[in-house]
Amino acid sequence: MIGHAVAQARFNLSGRSAIVRGFLGAVVVHGLYDFGLIAIALRADLLEAPGDETNSLVALCLMLLVFAVLIGSIRWVLRTTRRLRAQQLEEESADEIAPESSD
């Protein structure tokens, strides 16, 4: 995420706002993902307590959070890759169609 934002800022001249958005996006995604995993690891001993459905529900919600963040990140990568590839092909075809100027 941050690499994409830095490249956009560099080549599209979108400035520092793209870098800040990329950094904040990466922090939020990694924070949510890591929070879910760490919380599950810390509550693992509580899951073994017999007859406590609350801990199992919390663990399930945390696992769903981790899974949702993972799927969301994969979808973002695939959408961004498709969009940038289509843009690249469009620019290549526009370059091929445009007549070259001979000076």
Protein backbone atom coordinates (compact mmCIF):
# COMPACT_ATOMS: atom_id res chain seq x y z
CA MET A 1 0.00 0.00 0.00
CA ILE A 2 2.67 2.46 0.94
CA GLY A 3 4.76 1.55 -2.10
CA HIS A 4 1.81 2.19 -4.39
CA ALA A 5 1.21 5.57 -2.74
CA VAL A 6 4.86 6.58 -3.07
CA ALA A 7 4.87 5.63 -6.76
CA GLN A 8 1.66 7.59 -7.35
CA ALA A 9 3.15 10.62 -5.63
CA ARG A 10 6.34 10.33 -7.64
CA PHE A 11 4.99 9.71 -11.12
CA ASN A 12 1.60 11.46 -11.01
CA LEU A 13 2.83 14.39 -8.95
CA SER A 14 -0.05 13.97 -6.51
CA GLY A 15 2.15 15.19 -3.69
CA ARG A 16 2.55 14.22 -0.09
CA SER A 17 -1.15 13.60 0.45
CA ALA A 18 -0.90 10.31 -1.48
CA ILE A 19 2.02 9.22 0.70
CA VAL A 20 0.15 10.12 3.90
CA ARG A 21 -2.98 8.26 2.72
CA GLY A 22 -0.89 5.21 1.81
CA PHE A 23 0.91 5.26 5.14
CA LEU A 24 -2.30 5.62 7.13
CA GLY A 25 -3.98 2.89 5.09
CA ALA A 26 -1.09 0.51 5.72
CA VAL A 27 -1.09 1.32 9.44
CA VAL A 28 -4.83 0.70 9.75
CA VAL A 29 -4.78 -2.57 7.77
CA HIS A 30 -1.74 -3.97 9.58
CA GLY A 31 -3.07 -2.78 12.93
CA LEU A 32 -6.43 -4.51 12.48
CA TYR A 33 -4.82 -7.70 11.21
CA ASP A 34 -2.21 -7.83 13.98
CA PHE A 35 -4.74 -6.90 16.67
CA GLY A 36 -6.92 -9.85 15.73
CA LEU A 37 -4.03 -12.30 15.72
CA ILE A 38 -2.47 -11.05 18.94
CA ALA A 39 -5.82 -10.96 20.74
CA ILE A 40 -6.54 -14.55 19.67
CA ALA A 41 -3.11 -15.65 20.90
CA LEU A 42 -3.57 -13.90 24.24
CA ARG A 43 -7.04 -15.37 24.75
CA ALA A 44 -6.07 -18.91 23.72
CA ASP A 45 -5.83 -20.05 27.33
CA LEU A 46 -9.30 -18.64 28.04
CA LEU A 47 -10.78 -20.62 25.15
CA GLU A 48 -9.98 -23.84 26.95
CA ALA A 49 -12.21 -22.90 29.90
CA PRO A 50 -15.18 -25.26 29.85
CA GLY A 51 -18.69 -23.88 29.55
CA ASP A 52 -17.76 -20.30 28.63
CA GLU A 53 -19.37 -19.46 25.32
CA THR A 54 -18.42 -15.76 25.57
CA ASN A 55 -14.74 -16.49 25.03
CA SER A 56 -15.56 -18.67 22.04
CA LEU A 57 -17.71 -15.91 20.56
CA VAL A 58 -14.96 -13.34 21.05
CA ALA A 59 -12.42 -15.65 19.41
CA LEU A 60 -14.77 -16.24 16.49
CA CYS A 61 -15.27 -12.50 16.01
CA LEU A 62 -11.52 -11.92 16.11
CA MET A 63 -10.96 -14.67 13.54
CA LEU A 64 -13.61 -13.12 11.31
CA LEU A 65 -11.89 -9.74 11.67
CA VAL A 66 -8.55 -11.22 10.60
CA PHE A 67 -10.19 -13.03 7.68
CA ALA A 68 -12.07 -9.89 6.57
CA VAL A 69 -8.91 -7.78 6.63
CA LEU A 70 -7.02 -10.43 4.67
CA ILE A 71 -9.76 -10.75 2.02
CA GLY A 72 -10.14 -6.96 1.82
CA SER A 73 -6.40 -6.54 1.27
CA ILE A 74 -6.36 -9.17 -1.46
CA ARG A 75 -9.34 -7.53 -3.18
CA TRP A 76 -7.63 -4.12 -3.02
CA VAL A 77 -4.46 -5.52 -4.58
CA LEU A 78 -6.37 -7.26 -7.38
CA ARG A 79 -8.54 -4.20 -8.16
CA THR A 80 -5.55 -1.88 -8.15
CA THR A 81 -3.52 -4.23 -10.35
CA ARG A 82 -6.36 -4.57 -12.88
CA ARG A 83 -6.96 -0.82 -12.95
CA LEU A 84 -3.30 0.03 -13.43
CA ARG A 85 -2.82 -2.68 -16.07
CA ALA A 86 -5.84 -1.39 -18.03
CA GLN A 87 -4.46 2.13 -17.78
CA GLN A 88 -1.07 0.93 -18.99
CA LEU A 89 -2.58 -0.90 -21.98
CA GLU A 90 -4.68 2.14 -22.84
CA GLU A 91 -1.61 4.37 -22.86
CA GLU A 92 0.33 1.86 -24.96
CA SER A 93 -2.46 1.64 -27.56
CA ALA A 94 -2.73 5.44 -27.66
CA ASP A 95 1.02 5.64 -28.31
CA GLU A 96 0.74 3.10 -31.16
CA ILE A 97 -2.18 4.90 -32.80
CA ALA A 98 -0.71 8.37 -32.60
CA PRO A 99 1.46 9.14 -35.63
CA GLU A 100 5.06 9.76 -34.87
CA SER A 101 6.20 13.21 -35.74
CA SER A 102 9.24 13.26 -37.96
CA ASP A 103 11.28 16.42 -37.60
